[in-house]
Amino acid sequence: MQRVYLAKPHTAQRAFHNSRSLEVSAMADMIIQSPDEVVAFLKAQHNLIEDMFDQVLHATDPKAREEPFAALRQLLAVHETAEEMIVHPRARKEADDGDAIVDARLDEEHGAKELLSQIEQLDVTSQRFIDELTKLREAVLEHAKQEETEEFPVLTRQLDDDDLKRMGTAVRAAEAIAPTHPHPGVESAKLNFALGPFASMLDRARDLIGHAVG
């Protein structure tokens, strides 16, 4: 199965310093190349999220943090909501200790959402913004590690290829209706997805994903 390798942190930092050749939009486009199967797709998104954190944190101009941070918020809203609505319920059902596994992941997600809601109130040019975003990065990456260690193996073990691809299609639909970056010239409600606080983005993501998956 093909695996998409997105730029790792040192690559993102180097590319950013080289005339910002690694743009948020280009990074978001890369994920479209990832496999159809849900676990591989979500792992590719985890790599993308890590890269986007590092693009914000390694920006040489503090004022240049705003755009990649907005894109990061948007991807996190779509990614976590898709997992909450599509992946976690299936893992809860399939794993012998599914309740414990999923409840732990939901607690981690809740903590990350609370921290992000605080961070978005900060001045992106401030040191406190960097300090708090670094904490969020650590929490989100640890959360992703736990998903990949405890939750995803259950899905690959218990579900057949068709089920995994159907879940992948649903998760892809979530990204399609709330893309990680707007497309210039396209007048659509999608372009308003990232407006407002993170909590509002989560609400919109739930509505959009619920509509997409029926």
C-alpha atoms as a PDB file:
ATOM      1  CA  MET A   1       0.000   0.000   0.000  1.00  0.00           C
ATOM      2  CA  GLN A   2       1.394   3.356  -1.017  1.00  0.00           C
ATOM      3  CA  ARG A   3       2.437   5.609   1.813  1.00  0.00           C
ATOM      4  CA  VAL A   4       2.668   9.370   1.469  1.00  0.00           C
ATOM      5  CA  TYR A   5       5.609  10.890   3.312  1.00  0.00           C
ATOM      6  CA  LEU A   6       4.988  14.540   4.059  1.00  0.00           C
ATOM      7  CA  ALA A   7       7.800  16.928   4.945  1.00  0.00           C
ATOM      8  CA  LYS A   8       9.138  16.337   8.444  1.00  0.00           C
ATOM      9  CA  PRO A   9       9.818  19.206  10.890  1.00  0.00           C
ATOM     10  CA  HIS A  10      13.407  20.008   9.869  1.00  0.00           C
ATOM     11  CA  THR A  11      12.354  19.914   6.221  1.00  0.00           C
ATOM     12  CA  ALA A  12       9.459  22.268   6.876  1.00  0.00           C
ATOM     13  CA  GLN A  13      11.727  24.665   8.717  1.00  0.00           C
ATOM     14  CA  ARG A  14      14.397  24.656   6.000  1.00  0.00           C
ATOM     15  CA  ALA A  15      11.858  25.087   3.218  1.00  0.00           C
ATOM     16  CA  PHE A  16      10.149  27.913   5.052  1.00  0.00           C
ATOM     17  CA  HIS A  17      13.419  29.794   5.334  1.00  0.00           C
ATOM     18  CA  ASN A  18      14.071  29.209   1.623  1.00  0.00           C
ATOM     19  CA  SER A  19      11.616  31.857   0.405  1.00  0.00           C
ATOM     20  CA  ARG A  20       8.691  30.013   2.031  1.00  0.00           C
ATOM     21  CA  SER A  21       8.792  27.361  -0.697  1.00  0.00           C
ATOM     22  CA  LEU A  22       6.735  25.048   1.493  1.00  0.00           C
ATOM     23  CA  GLU A  23       3.415  26.893   1.531  1.00  0.00           C
ATOM     24  CA  VAL A  24       0.380  25.935   3.582  1.00  0.00           C
ATOM     25  CA  SER A  25      -1.707  25.416   0.473  1.00  0.00           C
ATOM     26  CA  ALA A  26       0.873  23.129  -1.105  1.00  0.00           C
ATOM     27  CA  MET A  27       1.117  21.094   2.086  1.00  0.00           C
ATOM     28  CA  ALA A  28      -2.636  20.733   2.214  1.00  0.00           C
ATOM     29  CA  ASP A  29      -2.731  19.607  -1.407  1.00  0.00           C
ATOM     30  CA  MET A  30      -0.216  16.844  -0.679  1.00  0.00           C
ATOM     31  CA  ILE A  31      -2.653  14.961   1.485  1.00  0.00           C
ATOM     32  CA  ILE A  32      -4.944  14.370  -1.479  1.00  0.00           C
ATOM     33  CA  GLN A  33      -2.284  11.975  -2.771  1.00  0.00           C
ATOM     34  CA  SER A  34      -2.609   9.718   0.288  1.00  0.00           C
ATOM     35  CA  PRO A  35      -4.266   6.278   0.211  1.00  0.00           C
ATOM     36  CA  ASP A  36      -8.005   5.715   0.212  1.00  0.00           C
ATOM     37  CA  GLU A  37      -7.874   3.463   3.269  1.00  0.00           C
ATOM     38  CA  VAL A  38      -8.823   5.364   6.426  1.00  0.00           C
ATOM     39  CA  VAL A  39      -5.878   4.486   8.668  1.00  0.00           C
ATOM     40  CA  ALA A  40      -3.238   5.404   6.095  1.00  0.00           C
ATOM     41  CA  PHE A  41      -5.138   8.598   5.294  1.00  0.00           C
ATOM     42  CA  LEU A  42      -5.314   9.672   8.943  1.00  0.00           C
ATOM     43  CA  LYS A  43      -1.638   8.889   9.484  1.00  0.00           C
ATOM     44  CA  ALA A  44      -0.820  11.122   6.520  1.00  0.00           C
ATOM     45  CA  GLN A  45      -2.943  13.842   8.104  1.00  0.00           C
ATOM     46  CA  HIS A  46      -1.027  13.424  11.361  1.00  0.00           C
ATOM     47  CA  ASN A  47       2.197  14.067   9.428  1.00  0.00           C
ATOM     48  CA  LEU A  48       0.649  17.108   7.781  1.00  0.00           C
ATOM     49  CA  ILE A  49      -0.511  18.492  11.137  1.00  0.00           C
ATOM     50  CA  GLU A  50       3.012  18.109  12.524  1.00  0.00           C
ATOM     51  CA  ASP A  51       4.451  19.951   9.538  1.00  0.00           C
ATOM     52  CA  MET A  52       1.909  22.755   9.861  1.00  0.00           C
ATOM     53  CA  PHE A  53       2.679  23.225  13.557  1.00  0.00           C
ATOM     54  CA  ASP A  54       6.343  23.588  12.674  1.00  0.00           C
ATOM     55  CA  GLN A  55       5.662  26.050   9.893  1.00  0.00           C
ATOM     56  CA  VAL A  56       3.957  28.338  12.412  1.00  0.00           C
ATOM     57  CA  LEU A  57       6.588  27.867  15.098  1.00  0.00           C
ATOM     58  CA  HIS A  58       9.571  28.348  12.767  1.00  0.00           C
ATOM     59  CA  ALA A  59       8.317  31.420  10.923  1.00  0.00           C
ATOM     60  CA  THR A  60      11.179  33.929  10.813  1.00  0.00           C
ATOM     61  CA  ASP A  61       8.758  36.856  10.794  1.00  0.00           C
ATOM     62  CA  PRO A  62       6.341  36.692  13.746  1.00  0.00           C
ATOM     63  CA  LYS A  63       3.691  38.448  11.661  1.00  0.00           C
ATOM     64  CA  ALA A  64       3.860  35.586   9.149  1.00  0.00           C
ATOM     65  CA  ARG A  65       2.437  33.156  11.716  1.00  0.00           C
ATOM     66  CA  GLU A  66      -1.163  34.227  11.237  1.00  0.00           C
ATOM     67  CA  GLU A  67      -1.916  32.564   7.889  1.00  0.00           C
ATOM     68  CA  PRO A  68      -0.416  29.123   8.659  1.00  0.00           C
ATOM     69  CA  PHE A  69      -2.001  29.208  12.118  1.00  0.00           C
ATOM     70  CA  ALA A  70      -5.421  29.786  10.559  1.00  0.00           C
ATOM     71  CA  ALA A  71      -4.838  26.838   8.220  1.00  0.00           C
ATOM     72  CA  LEU A  72      -3.713  24.675  11.141  1.00  0.00           C
ATOM     73  CA  ARG A  73      -6.846  25.526  13.137  1.00  0.00           C
ATOM     74  CA  GLN A  74      -9.002  24.612  10.176  1.00  0.00           C
ATOM     75  CA  LEU A  75      -7.293  21.269   9.594  1.00  0.00           C
ATOM     76  CA  LEU A  76      -7.475  20.388  13.293  1.00  0.00           C
ATOM     77  CA  ALA A  77     -11.198  21.161  13.376  1.00  0.00           C
ATOM     78  CA  VAL A  78     -11.915  18.938  10.376  1.00  0.00           C
ATOM     79  CA  HIS A  79      -9.537  16.155  11.405  1.00  0.00           C
ATOM     80  CA  GLU A  80     -10.638  15.838  15.023  1.00  0.00           C
ATOM     81  CA  THR A  81     -14.329  16.105  14.176  1.00  0.00           C
ATOM     82  CA  ALA A  82     -14.030  13.440  11.482  1.00  0.00           C
ATOM     83  CA  GLU A  83     -12.324  11.130  13.954  1.00  0.00           C
ATOM     84  CA  GLU A  84     -14.946  11.892  16.589  1.00  0.00           C
ATOM     85  CA  MET A  85     -17.880  11.160  14.269  1.00  0.00           C
ATOM     86  CA  ILE A  86     -16.493   8.418  12.020  1.00  0.00           C
ATOM     87  CA  VAL A  87     -13.485   6.673  13.559  1.00  0.00           C
ATOM     88  CA  HIS A  88     -13.997   6.654  17.325  1.00  0.00           C
ATOM     89  CA  PRO A  89     -17.497   5.090  17.233  1.00  0.00           C
ATOM     90  CA  ARG A  90     -16.210   2.198  15.136  1.00  0.00           C
ATOM     91  CA  ALA A  91     -13.161   1.662  17.348  1.00  0.00           C
ATOM     92  CA  ARG A  92     -15.386   1.718  20.433  1.00  0.00           C
ATOM     93  CA  LYS A  93     -17.520  -1.020  18.897  1.00  0.00           C
ATOM     94  CA  GLU A  94     -14.725  -3.231  17.569  1.00  0.00           C
ATOM     95  CA  ALA A  95     -12.197  -3.214  20.432  1.00  0.00           C
ATOM     96  CA  ASP A  96     -12.618  -5.372  23.520  1.00  0.00           C
ATOM     97  CA  ASP A  97     -11.645  -2.376  25.643  1.00  0.00           C
ATOM     98  CA  GLY A  98     -13.092   0.107  23.179  1.00  0.00           C
ATOM     99  CA  ASP A  99     -14.750   2.310  25.785  1.00  0.00           C
ATOM    100  CA  ALA A 100     -11.497   2.848  27.661  1.00  0.00           C
ATOM    101  CA  ILE A 101      -9.495   3.465  24.485  1.00  0.00           C
ATOM    102  CA  VAL A 102     -11.925   5.929  22.943  1.00  0.00           C
ATOM    103  CA  ASP A 103     -12.767   7.738  26.182  1.00  0.00           C
ATOM    104  CA  ALA A 104      -9.061   8.399  26.722  1.00  0.00           C
ATOM    105  CA  ARG A 105      -8.748   9.814  23.203  1.00  0.00           C
ATOM    106  CA  LEU A 106     -11.808  12.022  23.704  1.00  0.00           C
ATOM    107  CA  ASP A 107     -10.341  13.370  26.949  1.00  0.00           C
ATOM    108  CA  GLU A 108      -7.123  14.212  25.110  1.00  0.00           C
ATOM    109  CA  GLU A 109      -9.060  15.932  22.343  1.00  0.00           C
ATOM    110  CA  HIS A 110     -11.060  17.939  24.866  1.00  0.00           C
ATOM    111  CA  GLY A 111      -7.880  19.188  26.516  1.00  0.00           C
ATOM    112  CA  ALA A 112      -6.376  20.149  23.168  1.00  0.00           C
ATOM    113  CA  LYS A 113      -9.524  21.997  22.129  1.00  0.00           C
ATOM    114  CA  GLU A 114      -9.538  23.959  25.382  1.00  0.00           C
ATOM    115  CA  LEU A 115      -5.890  24.920  24.950  1.00  0.00           C
ATOM    116  CA  LEU A 116      -6.380  25.929  21.323  1.00  0.00           C
ATOM    117  CA  SER A 117      -9.365  28.078  22.274  1.00  0.00           C
ATOM    118  CA  GLN A 118      -7.068  29.937  24.681  1.00  0.00           C
ATOM    119  CA  ILE A 119      -4.227  30.231  22.173  1.00  0.00           C
ATOM    120  CA  GLU A 120      -6.403  31.826  19.514  1.00  0.00           C
ATOM    121  CA  GLN A 121      -6.987  34.741  21.898  1.00  0.00           C
ATOM    122  CA  LEU A 122      -3.251  35.508  22.013  1.00  0.00           C
ATOM    123  CA  ASP A 123      -1.192  37.836  19.845  1.00  0.00           C
ATOM    124  CA  VAL A 124       0.518  35.613  17.263  1.00  0.00           C
ATOM    125  CA  THR A 125       3.652  37.777  17.510  1.00  0.00           C
ATOM    126  CA  SER A 126       4.046  37.174  21.258  1.00  0.00           C
ATOM    127  CA  GLN A 127       6.357  34.741  23.023  1.00  0.00           C
ATOM    128  CA  ARG A 128       3.417  33.425  25.012  1.00  0.00           C
ATOM    129  CA  PHE A 129       1.765  32.377  21.747  1.00  0.00           C
ATOM    130  CA  ILE A 130       4.873  30.358  20.864  1.00  0.00           C
ATOM    131  CA  ASP A 131       5.077  28.816  24.331  1.00  0.00           C
ATOM    132  CA  GLU A 132       1.430  27.763  24.389  1.00  0.00           C
ATOM    133  CA  LEU A 133       1.450  26.544  20.790  1.00  0.00           C
ATOM    134  CA  THR A 134       4.490  24.413  21.613  1.00  0.00           C
ATOM    135  CA  LYS A 135       2.503  22.826  24.443  1.00  0.00           C
ATOM    136  CA  LEU A 136      -0.395  22.206  22.072  1.00  0.00           C
ATOM    137  CA  ARG A 137       1.923  20.647  19.500  1.00  0.00           C
ATOM    138  CA  GLU A 138       3.250  18.220  22.097  1.00  0.00           C
ATOM    139  CA  ALA A 139      -0.267  17.313  23.236  1.00  0.00           C
ATOM    140  CA  VAL A 140      -1.607  16.835  19.704  1.00  0.00           C
ATOM    141  CA  LEU A 141       1.345  14.704  18.598  1.00  0.00           C
ATOM    142  CA  GLU A 142       1.093  12.530  21.707  1.00  0.00           C
ATOM    143  CA  HIS A 143      -2.621  12.142  21.017  1.00  0.00           C
ATOM    144  CA  ALA A 144      -1.859  11.089  17.447  1.00  0.00           C
ATOM    145  CA  LYS A 145       0.721   8.595  18.711  1.00  0.00           C
ATOM    146  CA  GLN A 146      -1.848   7.036  21.044  1.00  0.00           C
ATOM    147  CA  GLU A 147      -4.367   6.776  18.213  1.00  0.00           C
ATOM    148  CA  GLU A 148      -1.826   5.086  15.981  1.00  0.00           C
ATOM    149  CA  THR A 149      -0.775   2.717  18.781  1.00  0.00           C
ATOM    150  CA  GLU A 150      -4.080   1.831  20.436  1.00  0.00           C
ATOM    151  CA  GLU A 151      -6.946   2.695  18.107  1.00  0.00           C
ATOM    152  CA  PHE A 152      -5.836   2.288  14.504  1.00  0.00           C
ATOM    153  CA  PRO A 153      -4.526  -1.297  14.961  1.00  0.00           C
ATOM    154  CA  VAL A 154      -8.014  -2.313  16.105  1.00  0.00           C
ATOM    155  CA  LEU A 155      -9.494  -1.021  12.865  1.00  0.00           C
ATOM    156  CA  THR A 156      -6.929  -2.719  10.644  1.00  0.00           C
ATOM    157  CA  ARG A 157      -7.294  -5.970  12.571  1.00  0.00           C
ATOM    158  CA  GLN A 158     -11.087  -6.097  12.825  1.00  0.00           C
ATOM    159  CA  LEU A 159     -12.250  -4.514   9.568  1.00  0.00           C
ATOM    160  CA  ASP A 160     -11.854  -5.709   6.011  1.00  0.00           C
ATOM    161  CA  ASP A 161     -10.443  -3.609   3.185  1.00  0.00           C
ATOM    162  CA  ASP A 162     -13.876  -2.535   1.960  1.00  0.00           C
ATOM    163  CA  ASP A 163     -14.861  -1.219   5.399  1.00  0.00           C
ATOM    164  CA  LEU A 164     -11.588   0.654   5.751  1.00  0.00           C
ATOM    165  CA  LYS A 165     -12.019   2.224   2.322  1.00  0.00           C
ATOM    166  CA  ARG A 166     -15.625   3.219   3.080  1.00  0.00           C
ATOM    167  CA  MET A 167     -14.459   4.950   6.247  1.00  0.00           C
ATOM    168  CA  GLY A 168     -11.686   6.584   4.256  1.00  0.00           C
ATOM    169  CA  THR A 169     -14.230   7.899   1.782  1.00  0.00           C
ATOM    170  CA  ALA A 170     -16.250   9.413   4.623  1.00  0.00           C
ATOM    171  CA  VAL A 171     -13.195  11.084   6.140  1.00  0.00           C
ATOM    172  CA  ARG A 172     -12.161  12.397   2.723  1.00  0.00           C
ATOM    173  CA  ALA A 173     -15.644  13.831   2.287  1.00  0.00           C
ATOM    174  CA  ALA A 174     -15.135  15.746   5.515  1.00  0.00           C
ATOM    175  CA  GLU A 175     -12.003  17.370   4.127  1.00  0.00           C
ATOM    176  CA  ALA A 176     -13.641  18.094   0.790  1.00  0.00           C
ATOM    177  CA  ILE A 177     -16.525  20.021   2.346  1.00  0.00           C
ATOM    178  CA  ALA A 178     -14.267  21.976   4.687  1.00  0.00           C
ATOM    179  CA  PRO A 179     -10.948  22.231   2.813  1.00  0.00           C
ATOM    180  CA  THR A 180      -7.734  23.061   4.621  1.00  0.00           C
ATOM    181  CA  HIS A 181      -7.298  26.148   2.453  1.00  0.00           C
ATOM    182  CA  PRO A 182      -9.685  28.264   0.362  1.00  0.00           C
ATOM    183  CA  HIS A 183      -9.522  28.163  -3.414  1.00  0.00           C
ATOM    184  CA  PRO A 184      -9.196  31.652  -4.958  1.00  0.00           C
ATOM    185  CA  GLY A 185     -12.174  32.722  -7.009  1.00  0.00           C
ATOM    186  CA  VAL A 186     -14.559  30.158  -5.577  1.00  0.00           C
ATOM    187  CA  GLU A 187     -17.555  31.750  -3.898  1.00  0.00           C
ATOM    188  CA  SER A 188     -18.852  29.163  -1.455  1.00  0.00           C
ATOM    189  CA  ALA A 189     -19.865  28.641   2.151  1.00  0.00           C
ATOM    190  CA  LYS A 190     -16.635  26.652   2.412  1.00  0.00           C
ATOM    191  CA  LEU A 191     -14.707  29.910   2.375  1.00  0.00           C
ATOM    192  CA  ASN A 192     -16.418  30.971   5.590  1.00  0.00           C
ATOM    193  CA  PHE A 193     -15.531  27.786   7.430  1.00  0.00           C
ATOM    194  CA  ALA A 194     -12.499  29.220   9.225  1.00  0.00           C
ATOM    195  CA  LEU A 195     -14.233  32.386  10.417  1.00  0.00           C
ATOM    196  CA  GLY A 196     -14.799  32.852  14.126  1.00  0.00           C
ATOM    197  CA  PRO A 197     -13.454  30.999  17.163  1.00  0.00           C
ATOM    198  CA  PHE A 198     -12.318  27.375  17.100  1.00  0.00           C
ATOM    199  CA  ALA A 199     -15.450  26.229  18.941  1.00  0.00           C
ATOM    200  CA  SER A 200     -17.581  27.607  16.104  1.00  0.00           C
ATOM    201  CA  MET A 201     -15.403  25.826  13.560  1.00  0.00           C
ATOM    202  CA  LEU A 202     -16.013  22.554  15.401  1.00  0.00           C
ATOM    203  CA  ASP A 203     -19.770  23.125  15.303  1.00  0.00           C
ATOM    204  CA  ARG A 204     -19.661  23.823  11.572  1.00  0.00           C
ATOM    205  CA  ALA A 205     -17.480  20.772  10.994  1.00  0.00           C
ATOM    206  CA  ARG A 206     -19.985  18.555  12.825  1.00  0.00           C
ATOM    207  CA  ASP A 207     -22.846  19.930  10.754  1.00  0.00           C
ATOM    208  CA  LEU A 208     -20.984  19.524   7.462  1.00  0.00           C
ATOM    209  CA  ILE A 209     -19.692  16.040   8.224  1.00  0.00           C
ATOM    210  CA  GLY A 210     -23.071  14.897   9.507  1.00  0.00           C
ATOM    211  CA  HIS A 211     -24.653  16.069   6.267  1.00  0.00           C
ATOM    212  CA  ALA A 212     -21.948  14.444   4.140  1.00  0.00           C
ATOM    213  CA  VAL A 213     -22.186  11.008   5.753  1.00  0.00           C
ATOM    214  CA  GLY A 214     -25.962  11.083   6.032  1.00  0.00           C
END
